[in-house]
Amino acid sequence: MSTKQITAAAMALPLAERVSLAQALWQSINLDLPDGNEPTALDVAIRRDQELSSGKVTGRSHDAVMKAARRATGCA
């Protein structure tokens, strides 16, 4: 199957499936790219933990995150 055929088939998928496919493809690309100047996942996790622990930012509930994700993907 050619790239053009794969693209056409992917574009015919429902929005939620296209989003899922795009995320999977992007993650596969990210695995192959060097991090460069980007902070590591551990650095980000430590910073976010400090922000949450200090009260600088407030977290959202799982329900709130899932509702926002559904709205963003058109699955609400």
C-alpha atoms as a PDB file:
ATOM      1  CA  MET A   1       0.000   0.000   0.000  1.00  0.00           C
ATOM      2  CA  SER A   2       1.414   3.403  -0.934  1.00  0.00           C
ATOM      3  CA  THR A   3       1.722   6.367   1.397  1.00  0.00           C
ATOM      4  CA  LYS A   4      -0.983   8.097  -0.625  1.00  0.00           C
ATOM      5  CA  GLN A   5      -3.350   5.147  -0.121  1.00  0.00           C
ATOM      6  CA  ILE A   6      -2.572   4.950   3.584  1.00  0.00           C
ATOM      7  CA  THR A   7      -3.201   8.683   3.937  1.00  0.00           C
ATOM      8  CA  ALA A   8      -6.531   8.428   2.118  1.00  0.00           C
ATOM      9  CA  ALA A   9      -7.604   5.502   4.301  1.00  0.00           C
ATOM     10  CA  ALA A  10      -6.551   7.336   7.464  1.00  0.00           C
ATOM     11  CA  MET A  11      -8.427  10.486   6.451  1.00  0.00           C
ATOM     12  CA  ALA A  12     -11.587   8.413   6.023  1.00  0.00           C
ATOM     13  CA  LEU A  13     -11.487   7.317   9.670  1.00  0.00           C
ATOM     14  CA  PRO A  14     -13.774   8.936  12.248  1.00  0.00           C
ATOM     15  CA  LEU A  15     -12.213  11.856  14.127  1.00  0.00           C
ATOM     16  CA  ALA A  16     -11.499   9.947  17.339  1.00  0.00           C
ATOM     17  CA  GLU A  17      -9.687   7.205  15.419  1.00  0.00           C
ATOM     18  CA  ARG A  18      -7.684   9.788  13.426  1.00  0.00           C
ATOM     19  CA  VAL A  19      -6.634  11.433  16.697  1.00  0.00           C
ATOM     20  CA  SER A  20      -5.585   8.067  18.121  1.00  0.00           C
ATOM     21  CA  LEU A  21      -3.640   7.235  14.961  1.00  0.00           C
ATOM     22  CA  ALA A  22      -1.965  10.657  14.912  1.00  0.00           C
ATOM     23  CA  GLN A  23      -0.896  10.256  18.539  1.00  0.00           C
ATOM     24  CA  ALA A  24       0.541   6.800  17.877  1.00  0.00           C
ATOM     25  CA  LEU A  25       2.450   8.049  14.844  1.00  0.00           C
ATOM     26  CA  TRP A  26       3.757  11.095  16.698  1.00  0.00           C
ATOM     27  CA  GLN A  27       4.916   8.950  19.618  1.00  0.00           C
ATOM     28  CA  SER A  28       6.789   6.686  17.204  1.00  0.00           C
ATOM     29  CA  ILE A  29       8.524   9.743  15.743  1.00  0.00           C
ATOM     30  CA  ASN A  30       9.393  11.102  19.170  1.00  0.00           C
ATOM     31  CA  LEU A  31      11.043   7.808  20.081  1.00  0.00           C
ATOM     32  CA  ASP A  32      13.464   8.200  17.199  1.00  0.00           C
ATOM     33  CA  LEU A  33      14.363  11.867  17.736  1.00  0.00           C
ATOM     34  CA  PRO A  34      17.100  13.067  20.060  1.00  0.00           C
ATOM     35  CA  ASP A  35      15.830  15.125  22.980  1.00  0.00           C
ATOM     36  CA  GLY A  36      18.055  18.101  22.167  1.00  0.00           C
ATOM     37  CA  ASN A  37      17.486  20.937  24.598  1.00  0.00           C
ATOM     38  CA  GLU A  38      14.114  19.696  25.793  1.00  0.00           C
ATOM     39  CA  PRO A  39      13.882  18.802  29.469  1.00  0.00           C
ATOM     40  CA  THR A  40      13.657  15.123  30.244  1.00  0.00           C
ATOM     41  CA  ALA A  41      10.368  13.619  31.339  1.00  0.00           C
ATOM     42  CA  LEU A  42      11.819  13.279  34.834  1.00  0.00           C
ATOM     43  CA  ASP A  43      12.725  16.993  34.925  1.00  0.00           C
ATOM     44  CA  VAL A  44       9.186  17.908  33.890  1.00  0.00           C
ATOM     45  CA  ALA A  45       7.657  15.520  36.431  1.00  0.00           C
ATOM     46  CA  ILE A  46       9.787  16.940  39.258  1.00  0.00           C
ATOM     47  CA  ARG A  47       8.906  20.523  38.289  1.00  0.00           C
ATOM     48  CA  ARG A  48       5.191  19.711  38.051  1.00  0.00           C
ATOM     49  CA  ASP A  49       5.281  17.943  41.426  1.00  0.00           C
ATOM     50  CA  GLN A  50       6.915  20.999  42.999  1.00  0.00           C
ATOM     51  CA  GLU A  51       4.310  23.304  41.426  1.00  0.00           C
ATOM     52  CA  LEU A  52       1.443  21.156  42.692  1.00  0.00           C
ATOM     53  CA  SER A  53       2.972  20.677  46.152  1.00  0.00           C
ATOM     54  CA  SER A  54       3.616  24.404  46.609  1.00  0.00           C
ATOM     55  CA  GLY A  55       0.114  25.363  45.515  1.00  0.00           C
ATOM     56  CA  LYS A  56       1.481  27.404  42.615  1.00  0.00           C
ATOM     57  CA  VAL A  57      -0.856  25.434  40.354  1.00  0.00           C
ATOM     58  CA  THR A  58      -3.914  23.333  41.055  1.00  0.00           C
ATOM     59  CA  GLY A  59      -4.568  19.952  39.545  1.00  0.00           C
ATOM     60  CA  ARG A  60      -7.683  18.812  37.735  1.00  0.00           C
ATOM     61  CA  SER A  61      -9.695  15.730  38.511  1.00  0.00           C
ATOM     62  CA  HIS A  62      -9.615  12.740  36.186  1.00  0.00           C
ATOM     63  CA  ASP A  63     -13.220  13.505  35.253  1.00  0.00           C
ATOM     64  CA  ALA A  64     -12.359  17.106  34.299  1.00  0.00           C
ATOM     65  CA  VAL A  65      -9.391  15.976  32.204  1.00  0.00           C
ATOM     66  CA  MET A  66     -11.452  13.341  30.401  1.00  0.00           C
ATOM     67  CA  LYS A  67     -14.281  15.808  29.679  1.00  0.00           C
ATOM     68  CA  ALA A  68     -11.781  18.288  28.226  1.00  0.00           C
ATOM     69  CA  ALA A  69     -10.196  15.535  26.123  1.00  0.00           C
ATOM     70  CA  ARG A  70     -13.585  14.469  24.771  1.00  0.00           C
ATOM     71  CA  ARG A  71     -14.446  18.058  23.860  1.00  0.00           C
ATOM     72  CA  ALA A  72     -11.063  18.558  22.180  1.00  0.00           C
ATOM     73  CA  THR A  73     -11.466  15.420  20.076  1.00  0.00           C
ATOM     74  CA  GLY A  74     -15.109  16.016  19.237  1.00  0.00           C
ATOM     75  CA  CYS A  75     -16.214  12.951  21.181  1.00  0.00           C
ATOM     76  CA  ALA A  76     -18.266  14.871  23.749  1.00  0.00           C
END
